[in-house]
Amino acid sequence: MPNFHASCESSELIDGRILKAHCRARDGNVVESSLDLSEVIGNNDGYFDWAENGNFHESARDVRLEDGHVLTAELRKRDGTFRERQAIELNDRIGNENGNLFHV
């Protein structure tokens, strides 16, 4: 499991889509890294879905990062209404490679 949160700290969400964190590199230094989550997460009828160029942010409201590694939001369904708050565990597919956040 990639588990970026085990080697990164001060995780935050910028503009409802950019994951920013301070991540440990192999040499022990901590560097700032970011990853645009909209490039790897989509919205499938009101549910988060791992998808290349998913652009979840275009159909999401009240987007939050909880506990530094869980993305939550209300996502629009195909019928135009919003589904209750959904969550996706970022540790499942986001890792830290030598201080850089990456998607698996």
PDB file of N, CA and C in Angstrom:
ATOM      1  N   MET A   1       0.844  -1.183   0.000  1.00  0.00           N
ATOM      2  CA  MET A   1       0.000   0.000   0.000  1.00  0.00           C
ATOM      3  C   MET A   1       0.886   1.244   0.000  1.00  0.00           C
ATOM      4  N   PRO A   2       0.619   2.216  -0.865  1.00  0.00           N
ATOM      5  CA  PRO A   2       1.454   3.409  -0.972  1.00  0.00           C
ATOM      6  C   PRO A   2       1.588   4.211   0.334  1.00  0.00           C
ATOM      7  N   ASN A   3       0.494   4.549   1.003  1.00  0.00           N
ATOM      8  CA  ASN A   3       0.481   5.169   2.331  1.00  0.00           C
ATOM      9  C   ASN A   3       1.381   6.394   2.478  1.00  0.00           C
ATOM     10  N   PHE A   4       1.128   7.443   1.687  1.00  0.00           N
ATOM     11  CA  PHE A   4       1.929   8.661   1.763  1.00  0.00           C
ATOM     12  C   PHE A   4       1.932   9.268   3.160  1.00  0.00           C
ATOM     13  N   HIS A   5       0.838   9.108   3.874  1.00  0.00           N
ATOM     14  CA  HIS A   5       0.674   9.773   5.168  1.00  0.00           C
ATOM     15  C   HIS A   5       1.685   9.292   6.207  1.00  0.00           C
ATOM     16  N   ALA A   6       2.246   8.107   6.021  1.00  0.00           N
ATOM     17  CA  ALA A   6       3.227   7.571   6.972  1.00  0.00           C
ATOM     18  C   ALA A   6       4.553   8.324   6.912  1.00  0.00           C
ATOM     19  N   SER A   7       4.862   8.951   5.767  1.00  0.00           N
ATOM     20  CA  SER A   7       6.142   9.646   5.630  1.00  0.00           C
ATOM     21  C   SER A   7       5.990  11.109   5.231  1.00  0.00           C
ATOM     22  N   CYS A   8       4.763  11.621   5.297  1.00  0.00           N
ATOM     23  CA  CYS A   8       4.499  13.028   4.996  1.00  0.00           C
ATOM     24  C   CYS A   8       3.738  13.643   6.161  1.00  0.00           C
ATOM     25  N   GLU A   9       3.891  14.941   6.336  1.00  0.00           N
ATOM     26  CA  GLU A   9       3.187  15.638   7.412  1.00  0.00           C
ATOM     27  C   GLU A   9       2.634  16.951   6.881  1.00  0.00           C
ATOM     28  N   SER A  10       1.838  17.596   7.703  1.00  0.00           N
ATOM     29  CA  SER A  10       1.234  18.891   7.360  1.00  0.00           C
ATOM     30  C   SER A  10       0.460  18.829   6.047  1.00  0.00           C
ATOM     31  N   SER A  11      -0.259  17.745   5.825  1.00  0.00           N
ATOM     32  CA  SER A  11      -1.064  17.604   4.611  1.00  0.00           C
ATOM     33  C   SER A  11      -2.192  18.620   4.627  1.00  0.00           C
ATOM     34  N   GLU A  12      -2.429  19.231   3.472  1.00  0.00           N
ATOM     35  CA  GLU A  12      -3.545  20.165   3.339  1.00  0.00           C
ATOM     36  C   GLU A  12      -4.081  20.119   1.921  1.00  0.00           C
ATOM     37  N   LEU A  13      -5.281  20.645   1.754  1.00  0.00           N
ATOM     38  CA  LEU A  13      -5.939  20.680   0.460  1.00  0.00           C
ATOM     39  C   LEU A  13      -5.996  22.131  -0.003  1.00  0.00           C
ATOM     40  N   ILE A  14      -5.495  22.400  -1.190  1.00  0.00           N
ATOM     41  CA  ILE A  14      -5.476  23.733  -1.767  1.00  0.00           C
ATOM     42  C   ILE A  14      -6.477  23.773  -2.920  1.00  0.00           C
ATOM     43  N   ASP A  15      -7.307  24.813  -2.930  1.00  0.00           N
ATOM     44  CA  ASP A  15      -8.291  25.007  -4.006  1.00  0.00           C
ATOM     45  C   ASP A  15      -9.196  23.800  -4.222  1.00  0.00           C
ATOM     46  N   GLY A  16      -9.414  23.012  -3.179  1.00  0.00           N
ATOM     47  CA  GLY A  16     -10.333  21.888  -3.259  1.00  0.00           C
ATOM     48  C   GLY A  16      -9.870  20.741  -4.126  1.00  0.00           C
ATOM     49  N   ARG A  17      -8.583  20.765  -4.527  1.00  0.00           N
ATOM     50  CA  ARG A  17      -8.117  19.695  -5.415  1.00  0.00           C
ATOM     51  C   ARG A  17      -6.633  19.385  -5.326  1.00  0.00           C
ATOM     52  N   ILE A  18      -5.816  20.282  -4.825  1.00  0.00           N
ATOM     53  CA  ILE A  18      -4.368  20.073  -4.760  1.00  0.00           C
ATOM     54  C   ILE A  18      -3.984  19.569  -3.372  1.00  0.00           C
ATOM     55  N   LEU A  19      -3.433  18.361  -3.310  1.00  0.00           N
ATOM     56  CA  LEU A  19      -2.912  17.819  -2.061  1.00  0.00           C
ATOM     57  C   LEU A  19      -1.492  18.336  -1.902  1.00  0.00           C
ATOM     58  N   LYS A  20      -1.237  19.019  -0.794  1.00  0.00           N
ATOM     59  CA  LYS A  20       0.101  19.532  -0.504  1.00  0.00           C
ATOM     60  C   LYS A  20       0.549  18.950   0.821  1.00  0.00           C
ATOM     61  N   ALA A  21       1.816  18.533   0.891  1.00  0.00           N
ATOM     62  CA  ALA A  21       2.349  17.948   2.121  1.00  0.00           C
ATOM     63  C   ALA A  21       3.858  18.141   2.171  1.00  0.00           C
ATOM     64  N   HIS A  22       4.399  18.009   3.356  1.00  0.00           N
ATOM     65  CA  HIS A  22       5.851  18.013   3.559  1.00  0.00           C
ATOM     66  C   HIS A  22       6.262  16.552   3.722  1.00  0.00           C
ATOM     67  N   CYS A  23       7.048  16.056   2.764  1.00  0.00           N
ATOM     68  CA  CYS A  23       7.354  14.628   2.695  1.00  0.00           C
ATOM     69  C   CYS A  23       8.845  14.364   2.882  1.00  0.00           C
ATOM     70  N   ARG A  24       9.124  13.273   3.541  1.00  0.00           N
ATOM     71  CA  ARG A  24      10.511  12.894   3.822  1.00  0.00           C
ATOM     72  C   ARG A  24      11.144  12.252   2.582  1.00  0.00           C
ATOM     73  N   ALA A  25      12.344  12.739   2.258  1.00  0.00           N
ATOM     74  CA  ALA A  25      13.131  12.172   1.166  1.00  0.00           C
ATOM     75  C   ALA A  25      14.063  11.094   1.720  1.00  0.00           C
ATOM     76  N   ARG A  26      14.713  10.355   0.834  1.00  0.00           N
ATOM     77  CA  ARG A  26      15.616   9.278   1.257  1.00  0.00           C
ATOM     78  C   ARG A  26      16.748   9.780   2.142  1.00  0.00           C
ATOM     79  N   ASP A  27      17.222  11.007   1.880  1.00  0.00           N
ATOM     80  CA  ASP A  27      18.333  11.551   2.662  1.00  0.00           C
ATOM     81  C   ASP A  27      17.892  12.102   4.015  1.00  0.00           C
ATOM     82  N   GLY A  28      16.593  11.984   4.319  1.00  0.00           N
ATOM     83  CA  GLY A  28      16.071  12.438   5.605  1.00  0.00           C
ATOM     84  C   GLY A  28      15.521  13.843   5.596  1.00  0.00           C
ATOM     85  N   ASN A  29      15.825  14.601   4.552  1.00  0.00           N
ATOM     86  CA  ASN A  29      15.283  15.955   4.451  1.00  0.00           C
ATOM     87  C   ASN A  29      13.785  15.901   4.183  1.00  0.00           C
ATOM     88  N   VAL A  30      13.101  16.939   4.616  1.00  0.00           N
ATOM     89  CA  VAL A  30      11.668  17.058   4.372  1.00  0.00           C
ATOM     90  C   VAL A  30      11.464  18.130   3.313  1.00  0.00           C
ATOM     91  N   VAL A  31      10.733  17.784   2.266  1.00  0.00           N
ATOM     92  CA  VAL A  31      10.496  18.711   1.163  1.00  0.00           C
ATOM     93  C   VAL A  31       8.996  18.860   0.919  1.00  0.00           C
ATOM     94  N   GLU A  32       8.618  20.021   0.410  1.00  0.00           N
ATOM     95  CA  GLU A  32       7.211  20.256   0.087  1.00  0.00           C
ATOM     96  C   GLU A  32       6.900  19.613  -1.260  1.00  0.00           C
ATOM     97  N   SER A  33       5.767  18.941  -1.317  1.00  0.00           N
ATOM     98  CA  SER A  33       5.342  18.281  -2.541  1.00  0.00           C
ATOM     99  C   SER A  33       3.847  18.501  -2.724  1.00  0.00           C
ATOM    100  N   SER A  34       3.392  18.436  -3.963  1.00  0.00           N
ATOM    101  CA  SER A  34       1.957  18.581  -4.212  1.00  0.00           C
ATOM    102  C   SER A  34       1.541  17.670  -5.363  1.00  0.00           C
ATOM    103  N   LEU A  35       0.253  17.364  -5.376  1.00  0.00           N
ATOM    104  CA  LEU A  35      -0.327  16.503  -6.405  1.00  0.00           C
ATOM    105  C   LEU A  35      -1.749  16.978  -6.662  1.00  0.00           C
ATOM    106  N   ASP A  36      -2.082  17.197  -7.931  1.00  0.00           N
ATOM    107  CA  ASP A  36      -3.437  17.600  -8.304  1.00  0.00           C
ATOM    108  C   ASP A  36      -4.324  16.356  -8.300  1.00  0.00           C
ATOM    109  N   LEU A  37      -5.165  16.243  -7.286  1.00  0.00           N
ATOM    110  CA  LEU A  37      -6.019  15.060  -7.141  1.00  0.00           C
ATOM    111  C   LEU A  37      -7.038  14.937  -8.264  1.00  0.00           C
ATOM    112  N   SER A  38      -7.386  16.044  -8.916  1.00  0.00           N
ATOM    113  CA  SER A  38      -8.351  15.966 -10.015  1.00  0.00           C
ATOM    114  C   SER A  38      -7.773  15.218 -11.212  1.00  0.00           C
ATOM    115  N   GLU A  39      -6.450  15.045 -11.241  1.00  0.00           N
ATOM    116  CA  GLU A  39      -5.824  14.283 -12.320  1.00  0.00           C
ATOM    117  C   GLU A  39      -5.932  12.776 -12.104  1.00  0.00           C
ATOM    118  N   VAL A  40      -6.310  12.364 -10.880  1.00  0.00           N
ATOM    119  CA  VAL A  40      -6.345  10.925 -10.582  1.00  0.00           C
ATOM    120  C   VAL A  40      -7.649  10.456  -9.936  1.00  0.00           C
ATOM    121  N   ILE A  41      -8.553  11.389  -9.609  1.00  0.00           N
ATOM    122  CA  ILE A  41      -9.824  11.026  -8.970  1.00  0.00           C
ATOM    123  C   ILE A  41     -10.975  11.636  -9.760  1.00  0.00           C
ATOM    124  N   GLY A  42     -12.004  10.825  -9.987  1.00  0.00           N
ATOM    125  CA  GLY A  42     -13.182  11.284 -10.696  1.00  0.00           C
ATOM    126  C   GLY A  42     -14.438  11.132  -9.860  1.00  0.00           C
ATOM    127  N   ASN A  43     -15.553  11.425 -10.485  1.00  0.00           N
ATOM    128  CA  ASN A  43     -16.870  11.300  -9.877  1.00  0.00           C
ATOM    129  C   ASN A  43     -17.691  10.367 -10.754  1.00  0.00           C
ATOM    130  N   ASN A  44     -18.132   9.260 -10.180  1.00  0.00           N
ATOM    131  CA  ASN A  44     -18.959   8.297 -10.896  1.00  0.00           C
ATOM    132  C   ASN A  44     -20.338   8.280 -10.245  1.00  0.00           C
ATOM    133  N   ASP A  45     -21.247   9.098 -10.778  1.00  0.00           N
ATOM    134  CA  ASP A  45     -22.627   9.184 -10.287  1.00  0.00           C
ATOM    135  C   ASP A  45     -22.709   9.478  -8.785  1.00  0.00           C
ATOM    136  N   GLY A  46     -21.846  10.383  -8.324  1.00  0.00           N
ATOM    137  CA  GLY A  46     -21.909  10.795  -6.928  1.00  0.00           C
ATOM    138  C   GLY A  46     -20.984  10.039  -6.001  1.00  0.00           C
ATOM    139  N   TYR A  47     -20.140   9.190  -6.566  1.00  0.00           N
ATOM    140  CA  TYR A  47     -19.157   8.446  -5.774  1.00  0.00           C
ATOM    141  C   TYR A  47     -17.757   8.749  -6.303  1.00  0.00           C
ATOM    142  N   PHE A  48     -16.792   8.884  -5.394  1.00  0.00           N
ATOM    143  CA  PHE A  48     -15.405   9.034  -5.817  1.00  0.00           C
ATOM    144  C   PHE A  48     -14.967   7.784  -6.568  1.00  0.00           C
ATOM    145  N   ASP A  49     -14.089   8.002  -7.561  1.00  0.00           N
ATOM    146  CA  ASP A  49     -13.591   6.909  -8.382  1.00  0.00           C
ATOM    147  C   ASP A  49     -12.161   7.254  -8.799  1.00  0.00           C
ATOM    148  N   TRP A  50     -11.236   6.315  -8.644  1.00  0.00           N
ATOM    149  CA  TRP A  50      -9.879   6.547  -9.133  1.00  0.00           C
ATOM    150  C   TRP A  50      -9.941   6.529 -10.653  1.00  0.00           C
ATOM    151  N   ALA A  51      -9.578   7.637 -11.296  1.00  0.00           N
ATOM    152  CA  ALA A  51      -9.675   7.730 -12.747  1.00  0.00           C
ATOM    153  C   ALA A  51      -8.699   8.780 -13.266  1.00  0.00           C
ATOM    154  N   GLU A  52      -7.932   8.409 -14.282  1.00  0.00           N
ATOM    155  CA  GLU A  52      -7.010   9.358 -14.894  1.00  0.00           C
ATOM    156  C   GLU A  52      -7.802  10.528 -15.462  1.00  0.00           C
ATOM    157  N   ASN A  53      -7.350  11.749 -15.177  1.00  0.00           N
ATOM    158  CA  ASN A  53      -8.036  12.975 -15.598  1.00  0.00           C
ATOM    159  C   ASN A  53      -9.505  12.962 -15.186  1.00  0.00           C
ATOM    160  N   GLY A  54      -9.768  12.500 -13.968  1.00  0.00           N
ATOM    161  CA  GLY A  54     -11.134  12.347 -13.474  1.00  0.00           C
ATOM    162  C   GLY A  54     -11.877  13.641 -13.219  1.00  0.00           C
ATOM    163  N   ASN A  55     -11.154  14.717 -12.886  1.00  0.00           N
ATOM    164  CA  ASN A  55     -11.754  16.040 -12.681  1.00  0.00           C
ATOM    165  C   ASN A  55     -12.926  16.044 -11.709  1.00  0.00           C
ATOM    166  N   PHE A  56     -12.801  15.321 -10.606  1.00  0.00           N
ATOM    167  CA  PHE A  56     -13.877  15.262  -9.612  1.00  0.00           C
ATOM    168  C   PHE A  56     -14.314  16.645  -9.162  1.00  0.00           C
ATOM    169  N   HIS A  57     -13.366  17.574  -9.108  1.00  0.00           N
ATOM    170  CA  HIS A  57     -13.638  18.906  -8.558  1.00  0.00           C
ATOM    171  C   HIS A  57     -14.706  19.668  -9.345  1.00  0.00           C
ATOM    172  N   GLU A  58     -14.899  19.313 -10.610  1.00  0.00           N
ATOM    173  CA  GLU A  58     -15.881  20.011 -11.434  1.00  0.00           C
ATOM    174  C   GLU A  58     -17.316  19.707 -11.020  1.00  0.00           C
ATOM    175  N   SER A  59     -17.520  18.638 -10.255  1.00  0.00           N
ATOM    176  CA  SER A  59     -18.876  18.256  -9.842  1.00  0.00           C
ATOM    177  C   SER A  59     -18.933  17.980  -8.341  1.00  0.00           C
ATOM    178  N   ALA A  60     -18.097  18.700  -7.593  1.00  0.00           N
ATOM    179  CA  ALA A  60     -18.033  18.494  -6.139  1.00  0.00           C
ATOM    180  C   ALA A  60     -18.273  19.809  -5.409  1.00  0.00           C
ATOM    181  N   ARG A  61     -18.793  19.687  -4.202  1.00  0.00           N
ATOM    182  CA  ARG A  61     -18.922  20.865  -3.341  1.00  0.00           C
ATOM    183  C   ARG A  61     -18.522  20.475  -1.920  1.00  0.00           C
ATOM    184  N   ASP A  62     -18.133  21.485  -1.173  1.00  0.00           N
ATOM    185  CA  ASP A  62     -17.705  21.299   0.219  1.00  0.00           C
ATOM    186  C   ASP A  62     -16.623  20.221   0.322  1.00  0.00           C
ATOM    187  N   VAL A  63     -15.579  20.374  -0.489  1.00  0.00           N
ATOM    188  CA  VAL A  63     -14.475  19.410  -0.520  1.00  0.00           C
ATOM    189  C   VAL A  63     -13.580  19.638   0.693  1.00  0.00           C
ATOM    190  N   ARG A  64     -13.209  18.552   1.367  1.00  0.00           N
ATOM    191  CA  ARG A  64     -12.379  18.642   2.573  1.00  0.00           C
ATOM    192  C   ARG A  64     -11.340  17.529   2.586  1.00  0.00           C
ATOM    193  N   LEU A  65     -10.253  17.794   3.327  1.00  0.00           N
ATOM    194  CA  LEU A  65      -9.258  16.767   3.628  1.00  0.00           C
ATOM    195  C   LEU A  65      -9.376  16.488   5.113  1.00  0.00           C
ATOM    196  N   GLU A  66      -9.753  15.277   5.460  1.00  0.00           N
ATOM    197  CA  GLU A  66      -9.955  14.916   6.864  1.00  0.00           C
ATOM    198  C   GLU A  66      -8.832  14.001   7.335  1.00  0.00           C
ATOM    199  N   ASP A  67      -8.355  14.253   8.523  1.00  0.00           N
ATOM    200  CA  ASP A  67      -7.272  13.470   9.136  1.00  0.00           C
ATOM    201  C   ASP A  67      -6.012  13.438   8.278  1.00  0.00           C
ATOM    202  N   GLY A  68      -5.890  14.366   7.351  1.00  0.00           N
ATOM    203  CA  GLY A  68      -4.692  14.470   6.532  1.00  0.00           C
ATOM    204  C   GLY A  68      -4.582  13.480   5.393  1.00  0.00           C
ATOM    205  N   HIS A  69      -5.558  12.544   5.267  1.00  0.00           N
ATOM    206  CA  HIS A  69      -5.429  11.521   4.220  1.00  0.00           C
ATOM    207  C   HIS A  69      -6.757  11.014   3.673  1.00  0.00           C
ATOM    208  N   VAL A  70      -7.875  11.594   4.094  1.00  0.00           N
ATOM    209  CA  VAL A  70      -9.186  11.171   3.584  1.00  0.00           C
ATOM    210  C   VAL A  70      -9.843  12.364   2.895  1.00  0.00           C
ATOM    211  N   LEU A  71     -10.103  12.231   1.596  1.00  0.00           N
ATOM    212  CA  LEU A  71     -10.770  13.275   0.834  1.00  0.00           C
ATOM    213  C   LEU A  71     -12.272  13.059   0.938  1.00  0.00           C
ATOM    214  N   THR A  72     -13.014  14.107   1.302  1.00  0.00           N
ATOM    215  CA  THR A  72     -14.469  14.003   1.387  1.00  0.00           C
ATOM    216  C   THR A  72     -15.107  15.149   0.605  1.00  0.00           C
ATOM    217  N   ALA A  73     -16.311  14.914   0.129  1.00  0.00           N
ATOM    218  CA  ALA A  73     -17.056  15.939  -0.605  1.00  0.00           C
ATOM    219  C   ALA A  73     -18.476  15.454  -0.842  1.00  0.00           C
ATOM    220  N   GLU A  74     -19.325  16.389  -1.195  1.00  0.00           N
ATOM    221  CA  GLU A  74     -20.641  16.062  -1.740  1.00  0.00           C
ATOM    222  C   GLU A  74     -20.467  16.091  -3.252  1.00  0.00           C
ATOM    223  N   LEU A  75     -20.832  15.002  -3.913  1.00  0.00           N
ATOM    224  CA  LEU A  75     -20.611  14.862  -5.349  1.00  0.00           C
ATOM    225  C   LEU A  75     -21.933  14.816  -6.108  1.00  0.00           C
ATOM    226  N   ARG A  76     -21.956  15.496  -7.256  1.00  0.00           N
ATOM    227  CA  ARG A  76     -23.161  15.549  -8.077  1.00  0.00           C
ATOM    228  C   ARG A  76     -23.406  14.198  -8.745  1.00  0.00           C
ATOM    229  N   LYS A  77     -24.660  13.779  -8.721  1.00  0.00           N
ATOM    230  CA  LYS A  77     -25.079  12.553  -9.404  1.00  0.00           C
ATOM    231  C   LYS A  77     -25.473  12.893 -10.840  1.00  0.00           C
ATOM    232  N   ARG A  78     -25.695  11.870 -11.638  1.00  0.00           N
ATOM    233  CA  ARG A  78     -26.078  12.079 -13.045  1.00  0.00           C
ATOM    234  C   ARG A  78     -27.369  12.879 -13.181  1.00  0.00           C
ATOM    235  N   ASP A  79     -28.281  12.731 -12.205  1.00  0.00           N
ATOM    236  CA  ASP A  79     -29.559  13.450 -12.291  1.00  0.00           C
ATOM    237  C   ASP A  79     -29.441  14.906 -11.841  1.00  0.00           C
ATOM    238  N   GLY A  80     -28.237  15.345 -11.480  1.00  0.00           N
ATOM    239  CA  GLY A  80     -28.007  16.739 -11.105  1.00  0.00           C
ATOM    240  C   GLY A  80     -28.086  17.029  -9.619  1.00  0.00           C
ATOM    241  N   THR A  81     -28.620  16.100  -8.844  1.00  0.00           N
ATOM    242  CA  THR A  81     -28.671  16.290  -7.394  1.00  0.00           C
ATOM    243  C   THR A  81     -27.338  15.848  -6.788  1.00  0.00           C
ATOM    244  N   PHE A  82     -27.134  16.224  -5.537  1.00  0.00           N
ATOM    245  CA  PHE A  82     -25.882  15.863  -4.868  1.00  0.00           C
ATOM    246  C   PHE A  82     -26.092  14.702  -3.909  1.00  0.00           C
ATOM    247  N   ARG A  83     -25.169  13.755  -3.975  1.00  0.00           N
ATOM    248  CA  ARG A  83     -25.176  12.625  -3.054  1.00  0.00           C
ATOM    249  C   ARG A  83     -24.631  13.102  -1.713  1.00  0.00           C
ATOM    250  N   GLU A  84     -25.059  12.442  -0.626  1.00  0.00           N
ATOM    251  CA  GLU A  84     -24.526  12.766   0.699  1.00  0.00           C
ATOM    252  C   GLU A  84     -23.004  12.641   0.675  1.00  0.00           C
ATOM    253  N   ARG A  85     -22.344  13.210   1.668  1.00  0.00           N
ATOM    254  CA  ARG A  85     -20.879  13.254   1.732  1.00  0.00           C
ATOM    255  C   ARG A  85     -20.267  11.878   1.490  1.00  0.00           C
ATOM    256  N   GLN A  86     -19.317  11.854   0.573  1.00  0.00           N
ATOM    257  CA  GLN A  86     -18.576  10.642   0.233  1.00  0.00           C
ATOM    258  C   GLN A  86     -17.119  10.813   0.649  1.00  0.00           C
ATOM    259  N   ALA A  87     -16.410   9.710   0.769  1.00  0.00           N
ATOM    260  CA  ALA A  87     -15.006   9.748   1.181  1.00  0.00           C
ATOM    261  C   ALA A  87     -14.184   8.776   0.347  1.00  0.00           C
ATOM    262  N   ILE A  88     -12.914   9.124   0.173  1.00  0.00           N
ATOM    263  CA  ILE A  88     -11.969   8.226  -0.486  1.00  0.00           C
ATOM    264  C   ILE A  88     -10.652   8.290   0.285  1.00  0.00           C
ATOM    265  N   GLU A  89     -10.101   7.126   0.570  1.00  0.00           N
ATOM    266  CA  GLU A  89      -8.841   7.016   1.323  1.00  0.00           C
ATOM    267  C   GLU A  89      -7.672   7.240   0.367  1.00  0.00           C
ATOM    268  N   LEU A  90      -6.979   8.358   0.530  1.00  0.00           N
ATOM    269  CA  LEU A  90      -5.887   8.695  -0.373  1.00  0.00           C
ATOM    270  C   LEU A  90      -4.684   7.767  -0.210  1.00  0.00           C
ATOM    271  N   ASN A  91      -4.466   7.234   0.977  1.00  0.00           N
ATOM    272  CA  ASN A  91      -3.343   6.318   1.201  1.00  0.00           C
ATOM    273  C   ASN A  91      -3.405   5.081   0.312  1.00  0.00           C
ATOM    274  N   ASP A  92      -4.594   4.736  -0.179  1.00  0.00           N
ATOM    275  CA  ASP A  92      -4.731   3.550  -1.024  1.00  0.00           C
ATOM    276  C   ASP A  92      -3.944   3.670  -2.326  1.00  0.00           C
ATOM    277  N   ARG A  93      -3.830   4.899  -2.859  1.00  0.00           N
ATOM    278  CA  ARG A  93      -3.192   5.061  -4.168  1.00  0.00           C
ATOM    279  C   ARG A  93      -2.213   6.234  -4.256  1.00  0.00           C
ATOM    280  N   ILE A  94      -2.004   6.944  -3.170  1.00  0.00           N
ATOM    281  CA  ILE A  94      -1.050   8.057  -3.174  1.00  0.00           C
ATOM    282  C   ILE A  94       0.134   7.673  -2.296  1.00  0.00           C
ATOM    283  N   GLY A  95       1.326   7.803  -2.848  1.00  0.00           N
ATOM    284  CA  GLY A  95       2.529   7.447  -2.113  1.00  0.00           C
ATOM    285  C   GLY A  95       3.533   8.585  -2.088  1.00  0.00           C
ATOM    286  N   ASN A  96       4.626   8.367  -1.383  1.00  0.00           N
ATOM    287  CA  ASN A  96       5.745   9.295  -1.312  1.00  0.00           C
ATOM    288  C   ASN A  96       6.977   8.572  -1.834  1.00  0.00           C
ATOM    289  N   GLU A  97       7.552   9.090  -2.900  1.00  0.00           N
ATOM    290  CA  GLU A  97       8.782   8.524  -3.448  1.00  0.00           C
ATOM    291  C   GLU A  97       9.865   9.589  -3.373  1.00  0.00           C
ATOM    292  N   ASN A  98      10.751   9.438  -2.404  1.00  0.00           N
ATOM    293  CA  ASN A  98      11.881  10.349  -2.228  1.00  0.00           C
ATOM    294  C   ASN A  98      11.434  11.808  -2.093  1.00  0.00           C
ATOM    295  N   GLY A  99      10.355  12.030  -1.356  1.00  0.00           N
ATOM    296  CA  GLY A  99       9.874  13.386  -1.114  1.00  0.00           C
ATOM    297  C   GLY A  99       8.856  13.891  -2.113  1.00  0.00           C
ATOM    298  N   ASN A 100       8.463  13.059  -3.055  1.00  0.00           N
ATOM    299  CA  ASN A 100       7.498  13.459  -4.078  1.00  0.00           C
ATOM    300  C   ASN A 100       6.221  12.637  -3.969  1.00  0.00           C
ATOM    301  N   LEU A 101       5.090  13.322  -3.892  1.00  0.00           N
ATOM    302  CA  LEU A 101       3.802  12.634  -3.910  1.00  0.00           C
ATOM    303  C   LEU A 101       3.564  12.063  -5.304  1.00  0.00           C
ATOM    304  N   PHE A 102       3.042  10.842  -5.366  1.00  0.00           N
ATOM    305  CA  PHE A 102       2.754  10.235  -6.660  1.00  0.00           C
ATOM    306  C   PHE A 102       1.529   9.334  -6.548  1.00  0.00           C
ATOM    307  N   HIS A 103       0.905   9.085  -7.693  1.00  0.00           N
ATOM    308  CA  HIS A 103      -0.265   8.212  -7.790  1.00  0.00           C
ATOM    309  C   HIS A 103       0.175   6.859  -8.322  1.00  0.00           C
ATOM    310  N   VAL A 104      -0.319   5.803  -7.690  1.00  0.00           N
ATOM    311  CA  VAL A 104       0.002   4.434  -8.121  1.00  0.00           C
ATOM    312  C   VAL A 104      -1.069   3.953  -9.084  1.00  0.00           C
TER     313      VAL A 104
END
